[in-house]
Amino acid sequence: MKTHKREILIYYNPESSSDRKTVAHAQGLVTHVRTFSYAQAPSNGTSWQQILWALNMDPKLLLNKAHPYYQSNIRGRDFDHESWGKVLQRNPDIIKAPIAIRGKRAIQCLTATDIYKLYMVEA
């Protein structure tokens, strides 16, 4: 998944105040911010594969390990890259922090100010 370098796309939990703060910081950086709740997250595995590729991190690090679904279905298991895409596609609510995409890069925003890392790097 690729966005224009003047645009930031954010997948987040709109019920979380820290996630909303991340969106607010992004809106202060660029004029074009597209937001999607986890319920509106990409509906196909290919999009998640592209996001995982752009994040360039272990997919397990994206997940909230305290979430009941994680505890009962994922803990102690390992998946290939394609299967991780399917896990995220079907269970986006277990993602622990917003995912922001700008250009070809993506980051997970563990704090609201992490969005600046994405902005400072030329996309």
N, C-alpha and C. Protein backbone atom coordinates (compact mmCIF):
# COMPACT_ATOMS: atom_id res chain seq x y z
N MET A 1 0.85 -1.16 0.00
CA MET A 1 0.00 0.00 0.00
C MET A 1 0.90 1.23 0.00
N LYS A 2 0.65 2.13 -0.91
CA LYS A 2 1.47 3.31 -1.07
C LYS A 2 0.57 4.54 -1.06
N THR A 3 1.03 5.59 -0.42
CA THR A 3 0.29 6.85 -0.41
C THR A 3 1.17 7.92 -1.04
N HIS A 4 0.59 9.04 -1.33
CA HIS A 4 1.34 10.18 -1.81
C HIS A 4 2.17 10.72 -0.66
N LYS A 5 3.34 11.30 -0.96
CA LYS A 5 4.21 11.78 0.13
C LYS A 5 3.62 12.97 0.89
N ARG A 6 2.59 13.60 0.35
CA ARG A 6 1.93 14.71 1.04
C ARG A 6 0.72 14.24 1.85
N GLU A 7 0.52 12.94 1.90
CA GLU A 7 -0.65 12.38 2.56
C GLU A 7 -0.19 11.35 3.59
N ILE A 8 -0.92 11.28 4.69
CA ILE A 8 -0.68 10.25 5.70
C ILE A 8 -1.97 9.45 5.85
N LEU A 9 -1.85 8.15 5.80
CA LEU A 9 -2.97 7.25 6.00
C LEU A 9 -2.78 6.58 7.36
N ILE A 10 -3.81 6.55 8.19
CA ILE A 10 -3.69 5.99 9.53
C ILE A 10 -4.80 4.98 9.80
N TYR A 11 -4.41 3.79 10.23
CA TYR A 11 -5.35 2.79 10.75
C TYR A 11 -5.26 2.89 12.26
N TYR A 12 -6.41 3.07 12.92
CA TYR A 12 -6.38 3.31 14.37
C TYR A 12 -7.69 2.89 15.02
N ASN A 13 -7.68 2.93 16.35
CA ASN A 13 -8.87 2.65 17.15
C ASN A 13 -9.47 4.00 17.56
N PRO A 14 -10.59 4.42 16.96
CA PRO A 14 -11.16 5.73 17.28
C PRO A 14 -11.66 5.86 18.72
N GLU A 15 -11.77 4.76 19.43
CA GLU A 15 -12.22 4.80 20.83
C GLU A 15 -11.06 5.06 21.80
N SER A 16 -9.84 5.01 21.30
CA SER A 16 -8.66 5.21 22.14
C SER A 16 -8.21 6.67 22.07
N SER A 17 -8.09 7.31 23.23
CA SER A 17 -7.68 8.72 23.24
C SER A 17 -6.25 8.89 22.72
N SER A 18 -5.35 7.95 23.03
CA SER A 18 -3.98 8.07 22.52
C SER A 18 -3.93 7.91 21.00
N ASP A 19 -4.80 7.06 20.45
CA ASP A 19 -4.86 6.90 19.00
C ASP A 19 -5.40 8.17 18.35
N ARG A 20 -6.39 8.79 18.97
CA ARG A 20 -6.93 10.05 18.44
C ARG A 20 -5.89 11.16 18.50
N LYS A 21 -5.03 11.14 19.51
CA LYS A 21 -3.95 12.13 19.60
C LYS A 21 -2.97 11.95 18.44
N THR A 22 -2.70 10.70 18.07
CA THR A 22 -1.83 10.44 16.92
C THR A 22 -2.42 11.06 15.67
N VAL A 23 -3.72 10.89 15.47
CA VAL A 23 -4.39 11.48 14.31
C VAL A 23 -4.29 13.00 14.36
N ALA A 24 -4.47 13.59 15.52
CA ALA A 24 -4.39 15.04 15.66
C ALA A 24 -2.99 15.55 15.31
N HIS A 25 -1.96 14.85 15.76
CA HIS A 25 -0.59 15.24 15.41
C HIS A 25 -0.38 15.15 13.90
N ALA A 26 -0.89 14.10 13.30
CA ALA A 26 -0.75 13.95 11.84
C ALA A 26 -1.44 15.08 11.10
N GLN A 27 -2.61 15.48 11.57
CA GLN A 27 -3.35 16.57 10.94
C GLN A 27 -2.62 17.90 11.09
N GLY A 28 -1.80 18.03 12.09
CA GLY A 28 -0.98 19.21 12.25
C GLY A 28 0.23 19.23 11.33
N LEU A 29 0.60 18.08 10.80
CA LEU A 29 1.77 17.97 9.93
C LEU A 29 1.45 18.15 8.46
N VAL A 30 0.38 17.52 8.01
CA VAL A 30 0.01 17.57 6.59
C VAL A 30 -1.48 17.89 6.47
N THR A 31 -1.85 18.41 5.32
CA THR A 31 -3.26 18.77 5.13
C THR A 31 -4.12 17.58 4.74
N HIS A 32 -3.51 16.54 4.20
CA HIS A 32 -4.27 15.38 3.76
C HIS A 32 -3.98 14.18 4.66
N VAL A 33 -4.91 13.90 5.54
CA VAL A 33 -4.81 12.73 6.43
C VAL A 33 -6.06 11.90 6.22
N ARG A 34 -5.87 10.66 5.82
CA ARG A 34 -7.00 9.74 5.70
C ARG A 34 -6.93 8.78 6.87
N THR A 35 -8.05 8.65 7.58
CA THR A 35 -8.09 7.77 8.74
C THR A 35 -9.10 6.65 8.51
N PHE A 36 -8.76 5.51 9.03
CA PHE A 36 -9.62 4.34 8.95
C PHE A 36 -9.60 3.65 10.30
N SER A 37 -10.78 3.36 10.83
CA SER A 37 -10.81 2.59 12.07
C SER A 37 -10.39 1.17 11.75
N TYR A 38 -10.01 0.43 12.77
CA TYR A 38 -9.60 -0.95 12.53
C TYR A 38 -10.71 -1.74 11.85
N ALA A 39 -11.96 -1.38 12.11
CA ALA A 39 -13.09 -2.06 11.46
C ALA A 39 -13.11 -1.79 9.96
N GLN A 40 -12.50 -0.68 9.52
CA GLN A 40 -12.43 -0.34 8.10
C GLN A 40 -11.08 -0.72 7.50
N ALA A 41 -10.29 -1.47 8.22
CA ALA A 41 -8.95 -1.84 7.77
C ALA A 41 -9.03 -2.61 6.45
N PRO A 42 -7.91 -2.72 5.75
CA PRO A 42 -7.93 -3.41 4.46
C PRO A 42 -8.61 -4.77 4.55
N SER A 43 -9.41 -5.05 3.56
CA SER A 43 -10.20 -6.28 3.59
C SER A 43 -9.53 -7.44 2.86
N ASN A 44 -8.35 -7.22 2.30
CA ASN A 44 -7.71 -8.34 1.63
C ASN A 44 -6.28 -8.54 2.13
N GLY A 45 -5.82 -9.76 2.00
CA GLY A 45 -4.49 -10.13 2.49
C GLY A 45 -3.38 -9.41 1.78
N THR A 46 -3.57 -9.10 0.49
CA THR A 46 -2.53 -8.41 -0.28
C THR A 46 -2.23 -7.04 0.31
N SER A 47 -3.25 -6.30 0.69
CA SER A 47 -3.04 -4.99 1.30
C SER A 47 -2.25 -5.13 2.60
N TRP A 48 -2.61 -6.12 3.40
CA TRP A 48 -1.87 -6.33 4.65
C TRP A 48 -0.44 -6.76 4.37
N GLN A 49 -0.21 -7.54 3.32
CA GLN A 49 1.16 -7.92 2.96
C GLN A 49 1.98 -6.69 2.65
N GLN A 50 1.39 -5.75 1.92
CA GLN A 50 2.09 -4.52 1.56
C GLN A 50 2.37 -3.68 2.81
N ILE A 51 1.42 -3.62 3.72
CA ILE A 51 1.62 -2.86 4.96
C ILE A 51 2.74 -3.50 5.79
N LEU A 52 2.72 -4.82 5.91
CA LEU A 52 3.77 -5.52 6.66
C LEU A 52 5.14 -5.30 6.01
N TRP A 53 5.20 -5.33 4.70
CA TRP A 53 6.45 -5.08 4.00
C TRP A 53 6.95 -3.67 4.29
N ALA A 54 6.03 -2.67 4.25
CA ALA A 54 6.40 -1.28 4.50
C ALA A 54 6.84 -1.07 5.95
N LEU A 55 6.22 -1.78 6.89
CA LEU A 55 6.59 -1.66 8.30
C LEU A 55 7.98 -2.24 8.56
N ASN A 56 8.31 -3.29 7.84
CA ASN A 56 9.61 -3.94 7.97
C ASN A 56 9.90 -4.34 9.43
N MET A 57 8.91 -4.99 10.04
CA MET A 57 9.08 -5.45 11.41
C MET A 57 8.33 -6.78 11.60
N ASP A 58 8.66 -7.47 12.65
CA ASP A 58 7.99 -8.73 12.96
C ASP A 58 6.52 -8.45 13.23
N PRO A 59 5.59 -9.08 12.50
CA PRO A 59 4.16 -8.82 12.70
C PRO A 59 3.68 -9.05 14.12
N LYS A 60 4.33 -9.94 14.85
CA LYS A 60 3.93 -10.21 16.23
C LYS A 60 4.08 -8.97 17.11
N LEU A 61 5.00 -8.09 16.75
CA LEU A 61 5.21 -6.87 17.53
C LEU A 61 4.06 -5.88 17.38
N LEU A 62 3.22 -6.06 16.38
CA LEU A 62 2.07 -5.18 16.17
C LEU A 62 0.92 -5.49 17.12
N LEU A 63 0.93 -6.68 17.69
CA LEU A 63 -0.24 -7.18 18.40
C LEU A 63 -0.24 -6.91 19.89
N ASN A 64 -1.45 -6.72 20.41
CA ASN A 64 -1.68 -6.56 21.84
C ASN A 64 -1.70 -7.97 22.45
N LYS A 65 -0.64 -8.32 23.13
CA LYS A 65 -0.51 -9.67 23.67
C LYS A 65 -1.46 -9.94 24.83
N ALA A 66 -2.08 -8.91 25.38
CA ALA A 66 -3.05 -9.08 26.47
C ALA A 66 -4.46 -9.33 25.94
N HIS A 67 -4.67 -9.14 24.65
CA HIS A 67 -6.01 -9.32 24.05
C HIS A 67 -6.42 -10.79 24.17
N PRO A 68 -7.66 -11.06 24.55
CA PRO A 68 -8.11 -12.45 24.71
C PRO A 68 -7.94 -13.31 23.45
N TYR A 69 -8.18 -12.73 22.27
CA TYR A 69 -8.01 -13.51 21.04
C TYR A 69 -6.54 -13.92 20.87
N TYR A 70 -5.65 -13.00 21.16
CA TYR A 70 -4.22 -13.32 21.06
C TYR A 70 -3.88 -14.47 22.02
N GLN A 71 -4.34 -14.37 23.25
CA GLN A 71 -4.03 -15.37 24.26
C GLN A 71 -4.54 -16.75 23.88
N SER A 72 -5.73 -16.82 23.30
CA SER A 72 -6.32 -18.13 23.01
C SER A 72 -5.94 -18.70 21.64
N ASN A 73 -5.56 -17.85 20.69
CA ASN A 73 -5.35 -18.35 19.33
C ASN A 73 -3.96 -18.11 18.73
N ILE A 74 -3.21 -17.18 19.26
CA ILE A 74 -1.94 -16.82 18.63
C ILE A 74 -0.73 -17.12 19.51
N ARG A 75 -0.88 -16.92 20.81
CA ARG A 75 0.25 -17.10 21.73
C ARG A 75 0.92 -18.46 21.51
N GLY A 76 2.25 -18.40 21.38
CA GLY A 76 3.03 -19.62 21.22
C GLY A 76 3.07 -20.15 19.79
N ARG A 77 2.40 -19.51 18.88
CA ARG A 77 2.39 -19.97 17.49
C ARG A 77 3.18 -19.00 16.62
N ASP A 78 3.66 -19.50 15.51
CA ASP A 78 4.35 -18.64 14.56
C ASP A 78 3.74 -18.90 13.18
N PHE A 79 3.67 -17.86 12.39
CA PHE A 79 3.04 -17.95 11.07
C PHE A 79 4.01 -17.45 10.02
N ASP A 80 3.77 -17.86 8.77
CA ASP A 80 4.55 -17.30 7.68
C ASP A 80 4.00 -15.91 7.36
N HIS A 81 4.70 -15.19 6.49
CA HIS A 81 4.34 -13.80 6.19
C HIS A 81 2.91 -13.69 5.66
N GLU A 82 2.51 -14.60 4.81
CA GLU A 82 1.16 -14.56 4.23
C GLU A 82 0.10 -14.81 5.30
N SER A 83 0.35 -15.74 6.19
CA SER A 83 -0.60 -16.04 7.26
C SER A 83 -0.75 -14.89 8.24
N TRP A 84 0.35 -14.17 8.51
CA TRP A 84 0.24 -12.99 9.37
C TRP A 84 -0.70 -11.98 8.75
N GLY A 85 -0.62 -11.83 7.44
CA GLY A 85 -1.54 -10.92 6.74
C GLY A 85 -2.98 -11.32 6.97
N LYS A 86 -3.25 -12.61 6.94
CA LYS A 86 -4.62 -13.10 7.16
C LYS A 86 -5.06 -12.89 8.61
N VAL A 87 -4.15 -13.09 9.55
CA VAL A 87 -4.47 -12.86 10.97
C VAL A 87 -4.88 -11.41 11.17
N LEU A 88 -4.11 -10.48 10.62
CA LEU A 88 -4.41 -9.06 10.76
C LEU A 88 -5.68 -8.67 10.02
N GLN A 89 -5.87 -9.27 8.86
CA GLN A 89 -7.06 -8.98 8.05
C GLN A 89 -8.33 -9.36 8.80
N ARG A 90 -8.32 -10.50 9.45
CA ARG A 90 -9.53 -11.01 10.11
C ARG A 90 -9.69 -10.51 11.55
N ASN A 91 -8.59 -10.00 12.15
CA ASN A 91 -8.63 -9.58 13.55
C ASN A 91 -7.90 -8.25 13.77
N PRO A 92 -8.27 -7.20 13.06
CA PRO A 92 -7.53 -5.94 13.20
C PRO A 92 -7.64 -5.32 14.59
N ASP A 93 -8.62 -5.73 15.37
CA ASP A 93 -8.79 -5.16 16.71
C ASP A 93 -7.71 -5.60 17.69
N ILE A 94 -6.86 -6.56 17.32
CA ILE A 94 -5.78 -6.97 18.23
C ILE A 94 -4.50 -6.16 17.98
N ILE A 95 -4.55 -5.21 17.06
CA ILE A 95 -3.39 -4.34 16.83
C ILE A 95 -3.30 -3.37 17.99
N LYS A 96 -2.09 -3.24 18.57
CA LYS A 96 -1.96 -2.46 19.81
C LYS A 96 -1.80 -0.96 19.62
N ALA A 97 -1.42 -0.50 18.45
CA ALA A 97 -1.20 0.94 18.24
C ALA A 97 -1.48 1.29 16.78
N PRO A 98 -1.75 2.56 16.51
CA PRO A 98 -2.05 2.97 15.13
C PRO A 98 -0.91 2.65 14.16
N ILE A 99 -1.28 2.39 12.93
CA ILE A 99 -0.31 2.20 11.85
C ILE A 99 -0.48 3.38 10.91
N ALA A 100 0.62 4.10 10.68
CA ALA A 100 0.60 5.27 9.80
C ALA A 100 1.44 4.98 8.57
N ILE A 101 0.94 5.41 7.42
CA ILE A 101 1.62 5.17 6.15
C ILE A 101 1.79 6.50 5.42
N ARG A 102 3.00 6.72 4.93
CA ARG A 102 3.28 7.91 4.12
C ARG A 102 4.24 7.48 3.03
N GLY A 103 3.84 7.68 1.78
CA GLY A 103 4.68 7.24 0.67
C GLY A 103 4.83 5.74 0.71
N LYS A 104 6.06 5.27 0.70
CA LYS A 104 6.34 3.83 0.73
C LYS A 104 6.63 3.32 2.14
N ARG A 105 6.63 4.21 3.12
CA ARG A 105 6.99 3.85 4.50
C ARG A 105 5.77 3.74 5.39
N ALA A 106 5.89 2.89 6.38
CA ALA A 106 4.85 2.74 7.39
C ALA A 106 5.52 2.60 8.74
N ILE A 107 4.84 3.07 9.78
CA ILE A 107 5.33 2.90 11.14
C ILE A 107 4.16 2.58 12.06
N GLN A 108 4.50 1.98 13.17
CA GLN A 108 3.51 1.79 14.22
C GLN A 108 3.74 2.90 15.23
N CYS A 109 2.71 3.64 15.55
CA CYS A 109 2.82 4.79 16.45
C CYS A 109 2.48 4.37 17.87
N LEU A 110 3.48 3.97 18.63
CA LEU A 110 3.26 3.56 20.01
C LEU A 110 2.95 4.76 20.90
N THR A 111 3.43 5.94 20.50
CA THR A 111 3.06 7.18 21.17
C THR A 111 2.56 8.13 20.09
N ALA A 112 1.82 9.15 20.49
CA ALA A 112 1.25 10.09 19.51
C ALA A 112 2.34 10.82 18.73
N THR A 113 3.46 11.07 19.36
CA THR A 113 4.53 11.81 18.68
C THR A 113 5.38 10.94 17.75
N ASP A 114 5.17 9.64 17.75
CA ASP A 114 5.88 8.77 16.81
C ASP A 114 5.56 9.14 15.36
N ILE A 115 4.44 9.80 15.13
CA ILE A 115 4.06 10.20 13.78
C ILE A 115 5.13 11.12 13.18
N TYR A 116 5.86 11.86 14.00
CA TYR A 116 6.92 12.74 13.51
C TYR A 116 8.04 11.97 12.85
N LYS A 117 8.30 10.74 13.28
CA LYS A 117 9.32 9.90 12.64
C LYS A 117 8.99 9.67 11.17
N LEU A 118 7.73 9.49 10.90
CA LEU A 118 7.29 9.27 9.52
C LEU A 118 7.40 10.55 8.71
N TYR A 119 7.14 11.65 9.33
CA TYR A 119 7.16 12.93 8.63
C TYR A 119 8.60 13.38 8.35
N MET A 120 9.51 13.13 9.28
CA MET A 120 10.87 13.61 9.14
C MET A 120 11.64 12.89 8.03
N VAL A 121 11.29 11.66 7.73
CA VAL A 121 11.97 10.89 6.69
C VAL A 121 11.32 11.19 5.36
N GLU A 122 12.10 11.50 4.38
CA GLU A 122 11.57 11.77 3.04
C GLU A 122 10.92 10.50 2.51
N ALA A 123 9.66 10.59 2.18
CA ALA A 123 8.91 9.41 1.72
C ALA A 123 9.12 9.17 0.25
